[in-house]
Amino acid sequence: MTTPTQGRSGLGLFREQKTNNRVLNRLRLVVERVIVQVKTWRIVHTGFRRPLGL
């Protein structure tokens, strides 16, 4: 697991650190959206409703 770089109190981040944080945030956003879509997908969070036989 990768975490964003935090600046020290009173000091900002270097440009490279800010860029890395932006890249991490974009990746985290994509992963979190996929997790939400899987959780809200009805088939995943509901039980078996009826038999599959014809």
PDB file of N, CA and C in Angstrom:
ATOM      1  N   MET A   1       0.855  -1.172   0.000  1.00  0.00           N
ATOM      2  CA  MET A   1       0.000   0.000   0.000  1.00  0.00           C
ATOM      3  C   MET A   1       0.897   1.229   0.000  1.00  0.00           C
ATOM      4  N   THR A   2       0.603   2.139  -0.849  1.00  0.00           N
ATOM      5  CA  THR A   2       1.387   3.357  -0.970  1.00  0.00           C
ATOM      6  C   THR A   2       0.564   4.527  -0.455  1.00  0.00           C
ATOM      7  N   THR A   3       1.191   5.370   0.338  1.00  0.00           N
ATOM      8  CA  THR A   3       0.505   6.538   0.880  1.00  0.00           C
ATOM      9  C   THR A   3       1.128   7.801   0.312  1.00  0.00           C
ATOM     10  N   PRO A   4       0.363   8.880   0.218  1.00  0.00           N
ATOM     11  CA  PRO A   4       0.901  10.140  -0.267  1.00  0.00           C
ATOM     12  C   PRO A   4       1.942  10.721   0.688  1.00  0.00           C
ATOM     13  N   THR A   5       2.830  11.512   0.152  1.00  0.00           N
ATOM     14  CA  THR A   5       3.846  12.175   0.957  1.00  0.00           C
ATOM     15  C   THR A   5       3.222  13.353   1.692  1.00  0.00           C
ATOM     16  N   GLN A   6       3.502  13.467   2.972  1.00  0.00           N
ATOM     17  CA  GLN A   6       3.006  14.591   3.750  1.00  0.00           C
ATOM     18  C   GLN A   6       4.131  15.594   3.950  1.00  0.00           C
ATOM     19  N   GLY A   7       3.779  16.862   3.859  1.00  0.00           N
ATOM     20  CA  GLY A   7       4.765  17.900   4.101  1.00  0.00           C
ATOM     21  C   GLY A   7       4.965  18.121   5.594  1.00  0.00           C
ATOM     22  N   ARG A   8       6.126  18.598   5.936  1.00  0.00           N
ATOM     23  CA  ARG A   8       6.371  18.927   7.352  1.00  0.00           C
ATOM     24  C   ARG A   8       5.639  20.210   7.712  1.00  0.00           C
ATOM     25  N   SER A   9       5.348  20.373   8.970  1.00  0.00           N
ATOM     26  CA  SER A   9       4.597  21.551   9.380  1.00  0.00           C
ATOM     27  C   SER A   9       5.378  22.823   9.041  1.00  0.00           C
ATOM     28  N   GLY A  10       4.704  23.745   8.405  1.00  0.00           N
ATOM     29  CA  GLY A  10       5.322  25.008   8.025  1.00  0.00           C
ATOM     30  C   GLY A  10       6.065  24.953   6.702  1.00  0.00           C
ATOM     31  N   LEU A  11       6.300  23.762   6.175  1.00  0.00           N
ATOM     32  CA  LEU A  11       6.997  23.618   4.901  1.00  0.00           C
ATOM     33  C   LEU A  11       6.077  22.943   3.890  1.00  0.00           C
ATOM     34  N   GLY A  12       6.203  23.347   2.650  1.00  0.00           N
ATOM     35  CA  GLY A  12       5.404  22.721   1.601  1.00  0.00           C
ATOM     36  C   GLY A  12       6.115  21.505   1.036  1.00  0.00           C
ATOM     37  N   LEU A  13       5.495  20.921   0.045  1.00  0.00           N
ATOM     38  CA  LEU A  13       6.088  19.776  -0.632  1.00  0.00           C
ATOM     39  C   LEU A  13       6.866  20.254  -1.854  1.00  0.00           C
ATOM     40  N   PHE A  14       7.834  19.457  -2.251  1.00  0.00           N
ATOM     41  CA  PHE A  14       8.545  19.746  -3.487  1.00  0.00           C
ATOM     42  C   PHE A  14       7.630  19.426  -4.664  1.00  0.00           C
ATOM     43  N   ARG A  15       7.958  19.951  -5.827  1.00  0.00           N
ATOM     44  CA  ARG A  15       7.139  19.752  -7.006  1.00  0.00           C
ATOM     45  C   ARG A  15       6.995  18.269  -7.355  1.00  0.00           C
ATOM     46  N   GLU A  16       8.077  17.536  -7.234  1.00  0.00           N
ATOM     47  CA  GLU A  16       8.058  16.101  -7.541  1.00  0.00           C
ATOM     48  C   GLU A  16       7.140  15.343  -6.573  1.00  0.00           C
ATOM     49  N   GLN A  17       7.148  15.733  -5.309  1.00  0.00           N
ATOM     50  CA  GLN A  17       6.279  15.088  -4.326  1.00  0.00           C
ATOM     51  C   GLN A  17       4.811  15.383  -4.616  1.00  0.00           C
ATOM     52  N   LYS A  18       4.516  16.621  -5.016  1.00  0.00           N
ATOM     53  CA  LYS A  18       3.139  16.973  -5.361  1.00  0.00           C
ATOM     54  C   LYS A  18       2.665  16.182  -6.572  1.00  0.00           C
ATOM     55  N   THR A  19       3.537  16.035  -7.553  1.00  0.00           N
ATOM     56  CA  THR A  19       3.191  15.266  -8.752  1.00  0.00           C
ATOM     57  C   THR A  19       2.920  13.810  -8.387  1.00  0.00           C
ATOM     58  N   ASN A  20       3.776  13.237  -7.551  1.00  0.00           N
ATOM     59  CA  ASN A  20       3.566  11.855  -7.120  1.00  0.00           C
ATOM     60  C   ASN A  20       2.254  11.699  -6.355  1.00  0.00           C
ATOM     61  N   ASN A  21       1.932  12.668  -5.514  1.00  0.00           N
ATOM     62  CA  ASN A  21       0.669  12.623  -4.764  1.00  0.00           C
ATOM     63  C   ASN A  21      -0.531  12.675  -5.712  1.00  0.00           C
ATOM     64  N   ARG A  22      -0.437  13.470  -6.764  1.00  0.00           N
ATOM     65  CA  ARG A  22      -1.539  13.557  -7.730  1.00  0.00           C
ATOM     66  C   ARG A  22      -1.735  12.231  -8.453  1.00  0.00           C
ATOM     67  N   VAL A  23      -0.629  11.609  -8.840  1.00  0.00           N
ATOM     68  CA  VAL A  23      -0.719  10.310  -9.517  1.00  0.00           C
ATOM     69  C   VAL A  23      -1.348   9.276  -8.592  1.00  0.00           C
ATOM     70  N   LEU A  24      -0.912   9.236  -7.345  1.00  0.00           N
ATOM     71  CA  LEU A  24      -1.481   8.291  -6.369  1.00  0.00           C
ATOM     72  C   LEU A  24      -2.970   8.548  -6.152  1.00  0.00           C
ATOM     73  N   ASN A  25      -3.352   9.823  -6.079  1.00  0.00           N
ATOM     74  CA  ASN A  25      -4.757  10.162  -5.863  1.00  0.00           C
ATOM     75  C   ASN A  25      -5.620   9.737  -7.037  1.00  0.00           C
ATOM     76  N   ARG A  26      -5.106   9.875  -8.258  1.00  0.00           N
ATOM     77  CA  ARG A  26      -5.864   9.449  -9.438  1.00  0.00           C
ATOM     78  C   ARG A  26      -6.050   7.939  -9.447  1.00  0.00           C
ATOM     79  N   LEU A  27      -5.000   7.216  -9.097  1.00  0.00           N
ATOM     80  CA  LEU A  27      -5.109   5.759  -9.042  1.00  0.00           C
ATOM     81  C   LEU A  27      -6.067   5.323  -7.941  1.00  0.00           C
ATOM     82  N   ARG A  28      -5.976   5.980  -6.785  1.00  0.00           N
ATOM     83  CA  ARG A  28      -6.857   5.646  -5.672  1.00  0.00           C
ATOM     84  C   ARG A  28      -8.317   5.900  -6.049  1.00  0.00           C
ATOM     85  N   LEU A  29      -8.571   6.978  -6.770  1.00  0.00           N
ATOM     86  CA  LEU A  29      -9.928   7.304  -7.200  1.00  0.00           C
ATOM     87  C   LEU A  29     -10.493   6.190  -8.067  1.00  0.00           C
ATOM     88  N   VAL A  30      -9.710   5.711  -9.013  1.00  0.00           N
ATOM     89  CA  VAL A  30     -10.174   4.638  -9.899  1.00  0.00           C
ATOM     90  C   VAL A  30     -10.482   3.382  -9.095  1.00  0.00           C
ATOM     91  N   VAL A  31      -9.585   3.010  -8.201  1.00  0.00           N
ATOM     92  CA  VAL A  31      -9.774   1.796  -7.399  1.00  0.00           C
ATOM     93  C   VAL A  31     -10.999   1.935  -6.508  1.00  0.00           C
ATOM     94  N   GLU A  32     -11.185   3.071  -5.872  1.00  0.00           N
ATOM     95  CA  GLU A  32     -12.331   3.262  -4.988  1.00  0.00           C
ATOM     96  C   GLU A  32     -13.645   3.221  -5.759  1.00  0.00           C
ATOM     97  N   ARG A  33     -13.677   3.779  -6.970  1.00  0.00           N
ATOM     98  CA  ARG A  33     -14.886   3.748  -7.783  1.00  0.00           C
ATOM     99  C   ARG A  33     -15.238   2.314  -8.184  1.00  0.00           C
ATOM    100  N   VAL A  34     -14.223   1.513  -8.514  1.00  0.00           N
ATOM    101  CA  VAL A  34     -14.471   0.118  -8.875  1.00  0.00           C
ATOM    102  C   VAL A  34     -15.036  -0.633  -7.675  1.00  0.00           C
ATOM    103  N   ILE A  35     -14.482  -0.396  -6.497  1.00  0.00           N
ATOM    104  CA  ILE A  35     -14.975  -1.063  -5.287  1.00  0.00           C
ATOM    105  C   ILE A  35     -16.433  -0.692  -5.029  1.00  0.00           C
ATOM    106  N   VAL A  36     -16.781   0.569  -5.192  1.00  0.00           N
ATOM    107  CA  VAL A  36     -18.160   1.009  -4.987  1.00  0.00           C
ATOM    108  C   VAL A  36     -19.086   0.356  -6.006  1.00  0.00           C
ATOM    109  N   GLN A  37     -18.653   0.260  -7.255  1.00  0.00           N
ATOM    110  CA  GLN A  37     -19.491  -0.364  -8.274  1.00  0.00           C
ATOM    111  C   GLN A  37     -19.714  -1.840  -7.988  1.00  0.00           C
ATOM    112  N   VAL A  38     -18.695  -2.531  -7.502  1.00  0.00           N
ATOM    113  CA  VAL A  38     -18.855  -3.938  -7.154  1.00  0.00           C
ATOM    114  C   VAL A  38     -19.801  -4.084  -5.976  1.00  0.00           C
ATOM    115  N   LYS A  39     -19.691  -3.215  -4.990  1.00  0.00           N
ATOM    116  CA  LYS A  39     -20.555  -3.302  -3.815  1.00  0.00           C
ATOM    117  C   LYS A  39     -22.011  -3.005  -4.149  1.00  0.00           C
ATOM    118  N   THR A  40     -22.251  -2.118  -5.103  1.00  0.00           N
ATOM    119  CA  THR A  40     -23.627  -1.761  -5.431  1.00  0.00           C
ATOM    120  C   THR A  40     -24.225  -2.651  -6.510  1.00  0.00           C
ATOM    121  N   TRP A  41     -23.447  -3.515  -7.081  1.00  0.00           N
ATOM    122  CA  TRP A  41     -23.935  -4.438  -8.098  1.00  0.00           C
ATOM    123  C   TRP A  41     -24.834  -5.460  -7.431  1.00  0.00           C
ATOM    124  N   ARG A  42     -26.073  -5.552  -7.827  1.00  0.00           N
ATOM    125  CA  ARG A  42     -27.087  -6.368  -7.147  1.00  0.00           C
ATOM    126  C   ARG A  42     -26.685  -7.837  -6.981  1.00  0.00           C
ATOM    127  N   ILE A  43     -26.079  -8.421  -7.989  1.00  0.00           N
ATOM    128  CA  ILE A  43     -25.755  -9.841  -7.926  1.00  0.00           C
ATOM    129  C   ILE A  43     -24.768 -10.131  -6.804  1.00  0.00           C
ATOM    130  N   VAL A  44     -23.884  -9.195  -6.530  1.00  0.00           N
ATOM    131  CA  VAL A  44     -22.854  -9.425  -5.528  1.00  0.00           C
ATOM    132  C   VAL A  44     -23.423  -9.360  -4.110  1.00  0.00           C
ATOM    133  N   HIS A  45     -24.334  -8.437  -3.839  1.00  0.00           N
ATOM    134  CA  HIS A  45     -24.760  -8.259  -2.449  1.00  0.00           C
ATOM    135  C   HIS A  45     -26.132  -8.837  -2.118  1.00  0.00           C
ATOM    136  N   THR A  46     -26.755  -9.560  -3.039  1.00  0.00           N
ATOM    137  CA  THR A  46     -28.008 -10.222  -2.697  1.00  0.00           C
ATOM    138  C   THR A  46     -27.811 -11.727  -2.719  1.00  0.00           C
ATOM    139  N   GLY A  47     -28.675 -12.410  -2.028  1.00  0.00           N
ATOM    140  CA  GLY A  47     -28.592 -13.862  -1.979  1.00  0.00           C
ATOM    141  C   GLY A  47     -29.140 -14.502  -3.247  1.00  0.00           C
ATOM    142  N   PHE A  48     -29.028 -15.775  -3.321  1.00  0.00           N
ATOM    143  CA  PHE A  48     -29.548 -16.553  -4.443  1.00  0.00           C
ATOM    144  C   PHE A  48     -31.063 -16.460  -4.428  1.00  0.00           C
ATOM    145  N   ARG A  49     -31.692 -16.074  -5.525  1.00  0.00           N
ATOM    146  CA  ARG A  49     -33.127 -15.791  -5.518  1.00  0.00           C
ATOM    147  C   ARG A  49     -34.006 -16.886  -6.107  1.00  0.00           C
ATOM    148  N   ARG A  50     -33.551 -17.573  -7.115  1.00  0.00           N
ATOM    149  CA  ARG A  50     -34.379 -18.625  -7.700  1.00  0.00           C
ATOM    150  C   ARG A  50     -33.499 -19.681  -8.368  1.00  0.00           C
ATOM    151  N   PRO A  51     -34.055 -20.850  -8.619  1.00  0.00           N
ATOM    152  CA  PRO A  51     -33.249 -21.920  -9.200  1.00  0.00           C
ATOM    153  C   PRO A  51     -32.859 -21.628 -10.647  1.00  0.00           C
ATOM    154  N   LEU A  52     -31.749 -22.190 -11.050  1.00  0.00           N
ATOM    155  CA  LEU A  52     -31.255 -21.980 -12.406  1.00  0.00           C
ATOM    156  C   LEU A  52     -31.842 -22.965 -13.408  1.00  0.00           C
ATOM    157  N   GLY A  53     -32.454 -24.038 -12.936  1.00  0.00           N
ATOM    158  CA  GLY A  53     -32.986 -25.066 -13.828  1.00  0.00           C
ATOM    159  C   GLY A  53     -34.136 -24.561 -14.684  1.00  0.00           C
ATOM    160  N   LEU A  54     -34.328 -25.196 -15.829  1.00  0.00           N
ATOM    161  CA  LEU A  54     -35.426 -24.803 -16.717  1.00  0.00           C
ATOM    162  C   LEU A  54     -36.618 -25.587 -16.385  1.00  0.00           C
TER     163      LEU A  54
END
